[in-house]
C-alpha cells in the first residue's frame, strides 16, 4: 500500500518503516497471530524524514487498522467470556474513566515534577468535560477526536503518562461498544 507523499517542504513518515509495519500487521492479522494488538497498533511511531508519506494519510490508515484489530479482539473475548461479561468489563472501565474525569478541575490527574513539564491543565480539564458529556449526556465525541487530541506543555502540568493512559482506555471503551 502506498500513500501520498508529504509536501516538499514538510517531513513525512519513513516509507520503508511504514510499509514494513503494515506488511507485518497484515501478515499477523491474516495468520491469526495475536502478538500484534490494537494497543500495539495505536502506539506505533514512525520516524519523520524528507520525502516521506503524508502523516495524515498514514494516521487515518493506522486508525482503521487499529479498529480492525480491536474488533477481532472484541470478538475473541466475547467468545471466551460471553457478551454479558464483555459488556460488564466495558462498563467497569467506562465507570473508572467517568470517576476520573468527574473530579474537580485541577485535580483530575497527578501533576508532573516541580521543574518538569506536563500537559496543560486547563486544556486537559476542558477535554475531560467533553468526555464527561460523552458519558452522561451522549455528547458528541469520536474515537478520532480522542486520538487527535493534543495538549500544550505546561510546567507542573498533568502527568502525561496518566492522561495518555486514560485516553487509550477511552478509545478502547469506544471500540468495545461500537
C-alpha atoms as a PDB file:
ATOM      1  CA  UNK A   1       0.000   0.000   0.000  1.00  0.00           C
ATOM      2  CA  UNK A   2       1.373   3.390  -0.871  1.00  0.00           C
ATOM      3  CA  UNK A   3       0.365   6.792   0.403  1.00  0.00           C
ATOM      4  CA  UNK A   4       0.707  10.288  -0.977  1.00  0.00           C
ATOM      5  CA  UNK A   5       3.993  11.937  -0.131  1.00  0.00           C
ATOM      6  CA  UNK A   6       4.278  14.862   2.249  1.00  0.00           C
ATOM      7  CA  UNK A   7       4.673  18.277   0.666  1.00  0.00           C
ATOM      8  CA  UNK A   8       8.223  19.009  -0.470  1.00  0.00           C
ATOM      9  CA  UNK A   9       8.960  21.375   2.449  1.00  0.00           C
ATOM     10  CA  UNK A  10       7.409  19.076   5.048  1.00  0.00           C
ATOM     11  CA  UNK A  11       8.609  15.938   6.706  1.00  0.00           C
ATOM     12  CA  UNK A  12       6.700  12.708   6.314  1.00  0.00           C
ATOM     13  CA  UNK A  13       6.754   9.219   7.738  1.00  0.00           C
ATOM     14  CA  UNK A  14       9.623   6.997   6.640  1.00  0.00           C
ATOM     15  CA  UNK A  15       8.221   4.980   3.736  1.00  0.00           C
ATOM     16  CA  UNK A  16      10.212   1.831   4.473  1.00  0.00           C
ATOM     17  CA  UNK A  17       9.232   1.744   8.144  1.00  0.00           C
ATOM     18  CA  UNK A  18       5.544   2.350   7.368  1.00  0.00           C
ATOM     19  CA  UNK A  19       5.488  -0.279   4.608  1.00  0.00           C
ATOM     20  CA  UNK A  20       7.294  -2.790   6.826  1.00  0.00           C
ATOM     21  CA  UNK A  21       4.917  -2.228   9.739  1.00  0.00           C
ATOM     22  CA  UNK A  22       1.834  -2.546   7.554  1.00  0.00           C
ATOM     23  CA  UNK A  23       3.155  -5.729   5.934  1.00  0.00           C
ATOM     24  CA  UNK A  24       3.861  -7.322   9.308  1.00  0.00           C
ATOM     25  CA  UNK A  25       0.469  -6.212  10.664  1.00  0.00           C
ATOM     26  CA  UNK A  26      -1.286  -7.643   7.611  1.00  0.00           C
ATOM     27  CA  UNK A  27       0.590 -10.927   7.992  1.00  0.00           C
ATOM     28  CA  UNK A  28      -0.239 -11.088  11.720  1.00  0.00           C
ATOM     29  CA  UNK A  29      -3.905 -10.440  11.083  1.00  0.00           C
ATOM     30  CA  UNK A  30      -4.214 -12.972   8.272  1.00  0.00           C
ATOM     31  CA  UNK A  31      -2.376 -15.676  10.206  1.00  0.00           C
ATOM     32  CA  UNK A  32      -4.333 -15.083  13.416  1.00  0.00           C
ATOM     33  CA  UNK A  33      -1.150 -14.079  15.249  1.00  0.00           C
ATOM     34  CA  UNK A  34      -2.230 -12.240  18.406  1.00  0.00           C
ATOM     35  CA  UNK A  35       1.133 -10.623  19.150  1.00  0.00           C
ATOM     36  CA  UNK A  36       0.033  -7.575  17.161  1.00  0.00           C
ATOM     37  CA  UNK A  37      -2.838  -5.935  19.052  1.00  0.00           C
ATOM     38  CA  UNK A  38      -4.955  -2.844  18.710  1.00  0.00           C
ATOM     39  CA  UNK A  39      -2.864  -1.324  21.519  1.00  0.00           C
ATOM     40  CA  UNK A  40       0.394  -2.002  19.687  1.00  0.00           C
ATOM     41  CA  UNK A  41      -1.075  -0.531  16.508  1.00  0.00           C
ATOM     42  CA  UNK A  42      -2.244   2.536  18.461  1.00  0.00           C
ATOM     43  CA  UNK A  43       1.211   3.085  19.950  1.00  0.00           C
ATOM     44  CA  UNK A  44       3.261   2.730  16.757  1.00  0.00           C
ATOM     45  CA  UNK A  45       5.511   5.695  15.975  1.00  0.00           C
ATOM     46  CA  UNK A  46       7.139   6.345  12.626  1.00  0.00           C
ATOM     47  CA  UNK A  47      10.291   8.406  12.093  1.00  0.00           C
ATOM     48  CA  UNK A  48       9.890  11.664  10.186  1.00  0.00           C
ATOM     49  CA  UNK A  49      12.043  12.087   7.074  1.00  0.00           C
ATOM     50  CA  UNK A  50      12.172  14.116   3.882  1.00  0.00           C
ATOM     51  CA  UNK A  51      10.187  12.556   1.029  1.00  0.00           C
ATOM     52  CA  UNK A  52       8.123  10.555   3.478  1.00  0.00           C
ATOM     53  CA  UNK A  53       4.480   9.616   3.397  1.00  0.00           C
ATOM     54  CA  UNK A  54       1.928  12.307   4.299  1.00  0.00           C
ATOM     55  CA  UNK A  55       1.319  11.770   8.046  1.00  0.00           C
ATOM     56  CA  UNK A  56      -2.414  12.474   7.939  1.00  0.00           C
ATOM     57  CA  UNK A  57      -2.963   9.756   5.328  1.00  0.00           C
ATOM     58  CA  UNK A  58      -0.921   7.175   7.225  1.00  0.00           C
ATOM     59  CA  UNK A  59      -2.546   8.106  10.543  1.00  0.00           C
ATOM     60  CA  UNK A  60      -6.005   7.564   9.060  1.00  0.00           C
ATOM     61  CA  UNK A  61      -4.961   4.128   7.790  1.00  0.00           C
ATOM     62  CA  UNK A  62      -3.451   3.255  11.179  1.00  0.00           C
ATOM     63  CA  UNK A  63      -6.709   4.272  12.886  1.00  0.00           C
ATOM     64  CA  UNK A  64      -8.661   1.935  10.591  1.00  0.00           C
ATOM     65  CA  UNK A  65      -6.138  -0.831  11.237  1.00  0.00           C
ATOM     66  CA  UNK A  66      -6.493  -0.336  14.982  1.00  0.00           C
ATOM     67  CA  UNK A  67     -10.270  -0.607  14.625  1.00  0.00           C
ATOM     68  CA  UNK A  68      -9.873  -3.877  12.710  1.00  0.00           C
ATOM     69  CA  UNK A  69      -7.614  -5.424  15.356  1.00  0.00           C
ATOM     70  CA  UNK A  70      -9.874  -4.173  18.160  1.00  0.00           C
ATOM     71  CA  UNK A  71     -12.890  -5.777  16.520  1.00  0.00           C
ATOM     72  CA  UNK A  72     -11.057  -9.099  16.275  1.00  0.00           C
ATOM     73  CA  UNK A  73     -10.007  -8.828  19.943  1.00  0.00           C
ATOM     74  CA  UNK A  74     -13.567  -7.988  20.949  1.00  0.00           C
ATOM     75  CA  UNK A  75     -14.973 -10.985  19.097  1.00  0.00           C
ATOM     76  CA  UNK A  76     -12.338 -13.310  20.581  1.00  0.00           C
ATOM     77  CA  UNK A  77     -13.004 -12.060  24.117  1.00  0.00           C
ATOM     78  CA  UNK A  78     -16.767 -12.380  23.698  1.00  0.00           C
ATOM     79  CA  UNK A  79     -16.265 -15.965  22.502  1.00  0.00           C
ATOM     80  CA  UNK A  80     -14.438 -16.713  25.762  1.00  0.00           C
ATOM     81  CA  UNK A  81     -16.467 -14.792  28.369  1.00  0.00           C
ATOM     82  CA  UNK A  82     -19.781 -14.111  26.637  1.00  0.00           C
ATOM     83  CA  UNK A  83     -21.435 -10.861  25.667  1.00  0.00           C
ATOM     84  CA  UNK A  84     -22.758 -10.094  29.159  1.00  0.00           C
ATOM     85  CA  UNK A  85     -19.316 -10.341  30.766  1.00  0.00           C
ATOM     86  CA  UNK A  86     -17.819  -8.332  27.908  1.00  0.00           C
ATOM     87  CA  UNK A  87     -20.342  -5.558  28.435  1.00  0.00           C
ATOM     88  CA  UNK A  88     -19.724  -5.647  32.197  1.00  0.00           C
ATOM     89  CA  UNK A  89     -15.971  -5.246  31.627  1.00  0.00           C
ATOM     90  CA  UNK A  90     -16.538  -2.309  29.285  1.00  0.00           C
ATOM     91  CA  UNK A  91     -18.927  -0.671  31.788  1.00  0.00           C
ATOM     92  CA  UNK A  92     -16.365  -1.100  34.567  1.00  0.00           C
ATOM     93  CA  UNK A  93     -13.627   0.651  32.579  1.00  0.00           C
ATOM     94  CA  UNK A  94     -16.088   3.346  31.484  1.00  0.00           C
ATOM     95  CA  UNK A  95     -17.017   3.950  35.120  1.00  0.00           C
ATOM     96  CA  UNK A  96     -13.338   4.316  36.071  1.00  0.00           C
ATOM     97  CA  UNK A  97     -12.927   6.900  33.312  1.00  0.00           C
ATOM     98  CA  UNK A  98     -16.073   8.692  34.417  1.00  0.00           C
ATOM     99  CA  UNK A  99     -14.852   8.769  38.023  1.00  0.00           C
ATOM    100  CA  UNK A 100     -11.537  10.287  36.923  1.00  0.00           C
ATOM    101  CA  UNK A 101     -12.967  12.983  34.649  1.00  0.00           C
ATOM    102  CA  UNK A 102     -15.648  13.781  37.227  1.00  0.00           C
ATOM    103  CA  UNK A 103     -13.067  15.042  39.700  1.00  0.00           C
ATOM    104  CA  UNK A 104     -12.672  18.757  40.362  1.00  0.00           C
ATOM    105  CA  UNK A 105     -10.759  20.862  37.856  1.00  0.00           C
ATOM    106  CA  UNK A 106      -7.052  20.894  38.539  1.00  0.00           C
ATOM    107  CA  UNK A 107      -7.184  17.600  40.474  1.00  0.00           C
ATOM    108  CA  UNK A 108      -8.077  15.062  37.808  1.00  0.00           C
ATOM    109  CA  UNK A 109      -4.542  13.730  37.357  1.00  0.00           C
ATOM    110  CA  UNK A 110      -1.225  13.635  39.161  1.00  0.00           C
ATOM    111  CA  UNK A 111       0.993  16.676  38.464  1.00  0.00           C
ATOM    112  CA  UNK A 112       4.430  16.495  36.860  1.00  0.00           C
ATOM    113  CA  UNK A 113       7.519  17.214  38.959  1.00  0.00           C
ATOM    114  CA  UNK A 114       8.476  20.637  40.300  1.00  0.00           C
ATOM    115  CA  UNK A 115      10.633  21.597  37.308  1.00  0.00           C
ATOM    116  CA  UNK A 116       9.048  19.256  34.786  1.00  0.00           C
ATOM    117  CA  UNK A 117       6.576  19.799  32.010  1.00  0.00           C
ATOM    118  CA  UNK A 118       3.270  18.020  31.743  1.00  0.00           C
ATOM    119  CA  UNK A 119       0.082  18.584  29.819  1.00  0.00           C
ATOM    120  CA  UNK A 120      -1.645  21.947  30.111  1.00  0.00           C
ATOM    121  CA  UNK A 121      -4.095  21.588  32.989  1.00  0.00           C
ATOM    122  CA  UNK A 122      -6.791  23.863  31.567  1.00  0.00           C
ATOM    123  CA  UNK A 123      -6.741  22.099  28.187  1.00  0.00           C
ATOM    124  CA  UNK A 124      -6.910  18.636  29.726  1.00  0.00           C
ATOM    125  CA  UNK A 125      -9.705  19.743  32.062  1.00  0.00           C
ATOM    126  CA  UNK A 126     -11.655  21.155  29.107  1.00  0.00           C
ATOM    127  CA  UNK A 127     -11.280  17.865  27.228  1.00  0.00           C
ATOM    128  CA  UNK A 128     -12.266  15.983  30.397  1.00  0.00           C
ATOM    129  CA  UNK A 129     -15.528  17.951  30.329  1.00  0.00           C
ATOM    130  CA  UNK A 130     -16.127  16.709  26.770  1.00  0.00           C
ATOM    131  CA  UNK A 131     -15.532  13.139  27.970  1.00  0.00           C
ATOM    132  CA  UNK A 132     -17.912  13.690  30.858  1.00  0.00           C
ATOM    133  CA  UNK A 133     -20.609  14.944  28.463  1.00  0.00           C
ATOM    134  CA  UNK A 134     -19.965  11.948  26.191  1.00  0.00           C
ATOM    135  CA  UNK A 135     -20.817   9.558  29.022  1.00  0.00           C
ATOM    136  CA  UNK A 136     -23.532  11.498  30.827  1.00  0.00           C
ATOM    137  CA  UNK A 137     -25.345  13.329  28.030  1.00  0.00           C
ATOM    138  CA  UNK A 138     -24.469  11.257  24.953  1.00  0.00           C
ATOM    139  CA  UNK A 139     -22.201  14.073  23.892  1.00  0.00           C
ATOM    140  CA  UNK A 140     -20.576  14.162  20.501  1.00  0.00           C
ATOM    141  CA  UNK A 141     -17.087  12.664  20.781  1.00  0.00           C
ATOM    142  CA  UNK A 142     -15.495  10.308  18.280  1.00  0.00           C
ATOM    143  CA  UNK A 143     -12.520   7.991  18.535  1.00  0.00           C
ATOM    144  CA  UNK A 144     -10.751  10.243  16.046  1.00  0.00           C
ATOM    145  CA  UNK A 145     -11.386  13.242  18.316  1.00  0.00           C
ATOM    146  CA  UNK A 146      -9.711  11.385  21.149  1.00  0.00           C
ATOM    147  CA  UNK A 147      -6.836  10.121  19.011  1.00  0.00           C
ATOM    148  CA  UNK A 148      -6.163  13.585  17.563  1.00  0.00           C
ATOM    149  CA  UNK A 149      -6.191  15.415  20.884  1.00  0.00           C
ATOM    150  CA  UNK A 150      -3.013  17.354  21.571  1.00  0.00           C
ATOM    151  CA  UNK A 151      -2.240  19.327  24.709  1.00  0.00           C
ATOM    152  CA  UNK A 152       0.324  22.084  25.052  1.00  0.00           C
ATOM    153  CA  UNK A 153       3.093  21.612  27.616  1.00  0.00           C
ATOM    154  CA  UNK A 154       2.974  23.384  30.974  1.00  0.00           C
ATOM    155  CA  UNK A 155       5.325  23.449  33.935  1.00  0.00           C
ATOM    156  CA  UNK A 156       3.781  21.341  36.714  1.00  0.00           C
ATOM    157  CA  UNK A 157       1.071  20.252  34.294  1.00  0.00           C
ATOM    158  CA  UNK A 158      -0.769  16.976  34.428  1.00  0.00           C
ATOM    159  CA  UNK A 159       1.320  13.805  34.255  1.00  0.00           C
ATOM    160  CA  UNK A 160       1.455  12.870  30.574  1.00  0.00           C
ATOM    161  CA  UNK A 161       1.529   9.100  31.116  1.00  0.00           C
ATOM    162  CA  UNK A 162      -1.593   9.202  33.270  1.00  0.00           C
ATOM    163  CA  UNK A 163      -3.531  11.346  30.790  1.00  0.00           C
ATOM    164  CA  UNK A 164      -2.372   9.242  27.824  1.00  0.00           C
ATOM    165  CA  UNK A 165      -3.429   6.055  29.610  1.00  0.00           C
ATOM    166  CA  UNK A 166      -6.913   7.440  30.207  1.00  0.00           C
ATOM    167  CA  UNK A 167      -7.221   8.467  26.553  1.00  0.00           C
ATOM    168  CA  UNK A 168      -6.102   4.996  25.437  1.00  0.00           C
ATOM    169  CA  UNK A 169      -8.649   3.398  27.755  1.00  0.00           C
ATOM    170  CA  UNK A 170     -11.339   5.730  26.434  1.00  0.00           C
ATOM    171  CA  UNK A 171     -10.596   4.666  22.860  1.00  0.00           C
ATOM    172  CA  UNK A 172     -10.675   1.038  23.997  1.00  0.00           C
ATOM    173  CA  UNK A 173     -14.127   1.530  25.558  1.00  0.00           C
ATOM    174  CA  UNK A 174     -15.379   3.340  22.475  1.00  0.00           C
ATOM    175  CA  UNK A 175     -14.167   0.471  20.312  1.00  0.00           C
ATOM    176  CA  UNK A 176     -15.731  -2.069  22.657  1.00  0.00           C
ATOM    177  CA  UNK A 177     -19.207  -0.615  22.413  1.00  0.00           C
ATOM    178  CA  UNK A 178     -19.272   0.248  18.751  1.00  0.00           C
END
